[in-house]
């Protein structure tokens, strides 16, 4: 993996974390947390 510095990007890991969290909320609507339960979508129903 190429470092951000080698690409000329001046960003810290904290900056990256904030950007990823914001993008996650935009795409998925919430931010996952180890402190809150995860609701799973039931799988497809198999028809015989």
C-alpha atoms as a PDB file:
ATOM      1  CA  UNK A   1       0.000   0.000   0.000  1.00  0.00           C
ATOM      2  CA  UNK A   2       1.328   3.434  -0.891  1.00  0.00           C
ATOM      3  CA  UNK A   3       1.447   5.937   1.945  1.00  0.00           C
ATOM      4  CA  UNK A   4      -0.531   9.156   1.768  1.00  0.00           C
ATOM      5  CA  UNK A   5       2.704  11.116   2.216  1.00  0.00           C
ATOM      6  CA  UNK A   6       4.166   9.534  -0.925  1.00  0.00           C
ATOM      7  CA  UNK A   7       0.999  10.554  -2.766  1.00  0.00           C
ATOM      8  CA  UNK A   8       1.390  14.118  -1.506  1.00  0.00           C
ATOM      9  CA  UNK A   9      -1.655  13.905   0.778  1.00  0.00           C
ATOM     10  CA  UNK A  10      -1.161  15.583   4.144  1.00  0.00           C
ATOM     11  CA  UNK A  11      -3.691  13.677   6.268  1.00  0.00           C
ATOM     12  CA  UNK A  12      -3.396  11.947   9.612  1.00  0.00           C
ATOM     13  CA  UNK A  13      -4.967   8.631  10.559  1.00  0.00           C
ATOM     14  CA  UNK A  14      -7.497  10.624  12.617  1.00  0.00           C
ATOM     15  CA  UNK A  15      -8.450  12.564   9.456  1.00  0.00           C
ATOM     16  CA  UNK A  16      -8.890   9.265   7.632  1.00  0.00           C
ATOM     17  CA  UNK A  17     -11.008   7.834  10.467  1.00  0.00           C
ATOM     18  CA  UNK A  18     -13.326  10.867  10.417  1.00  0.00           C
ATOM     19  CA  UNK A  19     -13.693  10.706   6.632  1.00  0.00           C
ATOM     20  CA  UNK A  20     -14.456   6.980   6.688  1.00  0.00           C
ATOM     21  CA  UNK A  21     -17.018   7.405   9.484  1.00  0.00           C
ATOM     22  CA  UNK A  22     -18.783  10.204   7.589  1.00  0.00           C
ATOM     23  CA  UNK A  23     -18.807   8.164   4.378  1.00  0.00           C
ATOM     24  CA  UNK A  24     -20.120   5.120   6.246  1.00  0.00           C
ATOM     25  CA  UNK A  25     -23.060   7.137   7.630  1.00  0.00           C
ATOM     26  CA  UNK A  26     -23.791   8.509   4.142  1.00  0.00           C
ATOM     27  CA  UNK A  27     -23.856   5.052   2.580  1.00  0.00           C
ATOM     28  CA  UNK A  28     -25.353   2.930   5.375  1.00  0.00           C
ATOM     29  CA  UNK A  29     -27.309   5.476   7.436  1.00  0.00           C
ATOM     30  CA  UNK A  30     -25.672   4.844  10.807  1.00  0.00           C
ATOM     31  CA  UNK A  31     -22.326   4.236  12.424  1.00  0.00           C
ATOM     32  CA  UNK A  32     -21.711   0.758  13.832  1.00  0.00           C
ATOM     33  CA  UNK A  33     -20.861   0.506  17.498  1.00  0.00           C
ATOM     34  CA  UNK A  34     -19.672  -2.405  19.611  1.00  0.00           C
ATOM     35  CA  UNK A  35     -21.943  -1.065  22.360  1.00  0.00           C
ATOM     36  CA  UNK A  36     -25.198  -1.399  20.432  1.00  0.00           C
ATOM     37  CA  UNK A  37     -26.813  -4.587  19.143  1.00  0.00           C
ATOM     38  CA  UNK A  38     -26.657  -5.393  15.466  1.00  0.00           C
ATOM     39  CA  UNK A  39     -29.912  -6.123  13.665  1.00  0.00           C
ATOM     40  CA  UNK A  40     -29.471  -8.714  10.962  1.00  0.00           C
ATOM     41  CA  UNK A  41     -31.714  -8.951   7.943  1.00  0.00           C
ATOM     42  CA  UNK A  42     -33.211 -12.438   7.626  1.00  0.00           C
ATOM     43  CA  UNK A  43     -31.871 -14.466   4.745  1.00  0.00           C
ATOM     44  CA  UNK A  44     -33.967 -15.330   1.692  1.00  0.00           C
ATOM     45  CA  UNK A  45     -36.700 -17.925   2.095  1.00  0.00           C
ATOM     46  CA  UNK A  46     -35.956 -21.172   0.332  1.00  0.00           C
ATOM     47  CA  UNK A  47     -38.838 -22.586  -1.691  1.00  0.00           C
ATOM     48  CA  UNK A  48     -39.011 -26.353  -2.172  1.00  0.00           C
END
